[in-house]
Amino acid sequence: MVRWRRNSEETAAPWEGAGLVARPEHIPVRRRTVPGVVLSAGEVRASMHARDLRDFGRGRVDVVESIGDGPLAFLSHVRAAAPSSLAAEQVRDLPADAVVLLVADPGTPPVVVLTGAVRDGFLEWTQQLTG
């Protein structure tokens, strides 16, 4: 089993599917670095806390917000979009069990949509993250 180790140079292997690449990295936040994951899809790069992604994969949270530099982005379960939110319009026609990467730009479609086995593989991969 591949694990992120807080005091080690060893990192989990990157994950890739449906146009998304998830790469564990130390993310600079304020004056320190934290265990994180950089999600890349096309021109979008969003950094997220590894622990938040692990909680997302476990179903403890439905939305994870990006950290650090880069565009404000959200990894979300489609079912979590409140009917009155901007995200509701972005995910209106998607399956309720899909996972999406959204940027905070009204009218922009999801950057990535994960469904089925690809979604399940990503959520399983998040469980390998520690930190």
Protein backbone atom coordinates (compact mmCIF):
# COMPACT_ATOMS: atom_id res chain seq x y z
CA MET A 1 0.00 0.00 0.00
CA VAL A 2 1.36 3.41 -0.97
CA ARG A 3 1.11 6.07 1.76
CA TRP A 4 1.92 9.73 2.14
CA ARG A 5 4.37 10.05 5.01
CA ARG A 6 4.47 13.32 6.87
CA ASN A 7 8.26 13.29 7.41
CA SER A 8 9.31 11.45 4.30
CA GLU A 9 10.14 12.20 0.72
CA GLU A 10 8.02 9.22 -0.31
CA THR A 11 4.66 10.15 -1.80
CA ALA A 12 1.63 8.24 -3.03
CA ALA A 13 1.63 7.47 -6.73
CA PRO A 14 -0.30 9.96 -8.86
CA TRP A 15 -3.82 9.02 -9.96
CA GLU A 16 -5.17 9.69 -13.44
CA GLY A 17 -8.53 9.27 -15.11
CA ALA A 18 -11.22 11.12 -17.13
CA GLY A 19 -8.84 14.01 -17.88
CA LEU A 20 -7.88 14.52 -14.21
CA VAL A 21 -4.42 14.01 -12.73
CA ALA A 22 -4.11 13.98 -8.92
CA ARG A 23 -0.53 14.33 -7.69
CA PRO A 24 0.46 14.40 -3.99
CA GLU A 25 2.71 17.38 -3.21
CA HIS A 26 3.64 19.56 -0.29
CA ILE A 27 1.55 22.71 -0.75
CA PRO A 28 2.80 26.10 0.50
CA VAL A 29 0.19 27.67 2.78
CA ARG A 30 1.16 30.86 4.54
CA ARG A 31 4.66 30.27 5.96
CA ARG A 32 4.67 26.46 5.94
CA THR A 33 3.91 23.55 3.69
CA VAL A 34 1.14 20.99 4.20
CA PRO A 35 0.50 17.55 2.72
CA GLY A 36 -1.71 18.16 -0.24
CA VAL A 37 -2.77 17.07 -3.67
CA VAL A 38 -2.65 19.08 -6.87
CA LEU A 39 -5.58 18.33 -9.15
CA SER A 40 -4.83 19.15 -12.79
CA ALA A 41 -7.19 19.12 -15.72
CA GLY A 42 -6.35 21.04 -18.86
CA GLU A 43 -5.24 24.51 -17.79
CA VAL A 44 -6.77 24.24 -14.31
CA ARG A 45 -4.52 23.39 -11.34
CA ALA A 46 -6.12 23.32 -7.91
CA SER A 47 -4.37 22.38 -4.66
CA MET A 48 -6.27 20.71 -1.82
CA HIS A 49 -5.44 19.40 1.65
CA ALA A 50 -4.76 15.66 1.60
CA ARG A 51 -6.84 15.17 4.75
CA ASP A 52 -9.82 16.96 3.16
CA LEU A 53 -9.64 14.68 0.12
CA ARG A 54 -9.43 11.64 2.38
CA ASP A 55 -12.54 12.83 4.24
CA PHE A 56 -14.25 13.46 0.90
CA GLY A 57 -13.50 9.91 -0.21
CA ARG A 58 -14.91 8.56 3.07
CA GLY A 59 -18.13 10.53 2.63
CA ARG A 60 -17.48 12.76 5.65
CA VAL A 61 -17.65 15.92 3.54
CA ASP A 62 -19.37 16.59 0.22
CA VAL A 63 -17.28 19.57 -0.96
CA VAL A 64 -13.55 20.34 -0.76
CA GLU A 65 -12.27 23.86 -1.43
CA SER A 66 -8.89 24.60 -2.99
CA ILE A 67 -6.03 26.12 -0.99
CA GLY A 68 -2.96 28.17 -1.82
CA ASP A 69 -2.31 29.90 -5.12
CA GLY A 70 -4.39 29.21 -8.17
CA PRO A 71 -8.03 29.56 -9.03
CA LEU A 72 -10.71 29.01 -6.41
CA ALA A 73 -11.95 25.52 -7.18
CA PHE A 74 -14.19 22.94 -5.59
CA LEU A 75 -14.28 19.16 -5.73
CA SER A 76 -17.88 18.20 -5.09
CA HIS A 77 -20.42 15.45 -5.17
CA VAL A 78 -23.15 16.58 -7.58
CA ARG A 79 -25.82 15.74 -4.99
CA ALA A 80 -24.31 18.40 -2.68
CA ALA A 81 -25.18 21.35 -4.93
CA ALA A 82 -27.86 23.43 -3.19
CA PRO A 83 -30.70 24.33 -5.58
CA SER A 84 -30.04 28.05 -5.05
CA SER A 85 -26.26 27.82 -5.60
CA LEU A 86 -24.26 28.69 -8.70
CA ALA A 87 -23.04 25.09 -8.74
CA ALA A 88 -26.61 23.82 -9.22
CA GLU A 89 -26.67 25.37 -12.68
CA GLN A 90 -23.25 23.93 -13.52
CA VAL A 91 -24.23 20.35 -12.60
CA ARG A 92 -27.94 20.41 -13.52
CA ASP A 93 -27.79 17.63 -16.13
CA LEU A 94 -25.23 15.37 -14.43
CA PRO A 95 -25.88 12.12 -12.53
CA ALA A 96 -26.46 12.70 -8.79
CA ASP A 97 -23.64 10.30 -7.88
CA ALA A 98 -21.01 12.04 -10.05
CA VAL A 99 -18.00 13.88 -8.63
CA VAL A 100 -17.05 17.16 -10.31
CA LEU A 101 -14.21 19.65 -10.24
CA LEU A 102 -15.64 23.17 -10.52
CA VAL A 103 -13.97 26.56 -10.76
CA ALA A 104 -15.61 29.57 -9.11
CA ASP A 105 -16.64 31.19 -12.37
CA PRO A 106 -20.40 31.43 -12.97
CA GLY A 107 -21.52 29.77 -16.16
CA THR A 108 -18.39 27.64 -16.50
CA PRO A 109 -19.13 23.94 -16.93
CA PRO A 110 -17.38 21.43 -14.67
CA VAL A 111 -13.70 21.04 -15.49
CA VAL A 112 -13.92 17.29 -14.84
CA VAL A 113 -16.81 14.87 -14.30
CA LEU A 114 -16.03 11.53 -12.66
CA THR A 115 -18.63 8.77 -12.85
CA GLY A 116 -18.85 5.01 -12.40
CA ALA A 117 -15.65 3.02 -12.05
CA VAL A 118 -13.44 6.08 -12.61
CA ARG A 119 -15.16 7.92 -9.74
CA ASP A 120 -14.90 4.85 -7.53
CA GLY A 121 -11.19 4.48 -8.36
CA PHE A 122 -10.50 8.10 -7.47
CA LEU A 123 -12.40 7.89 -4.17
CA GLU A 124 -10.52 4.70 -3.30
CA TRP A 125 -7.20 6.38 -4.16
CA THR A 126 -7.97 9.22 -1.71
CA GLN A 127 -7.93 6.67 1.10
CA GLN A 128 -4.21 6.10 0.52
CA LEU A 129 -3.46 9.71 1.50
CA THR A 130 -2.29 10.51 4.99
CA GLY A 131 -1.30 13.79 6.56
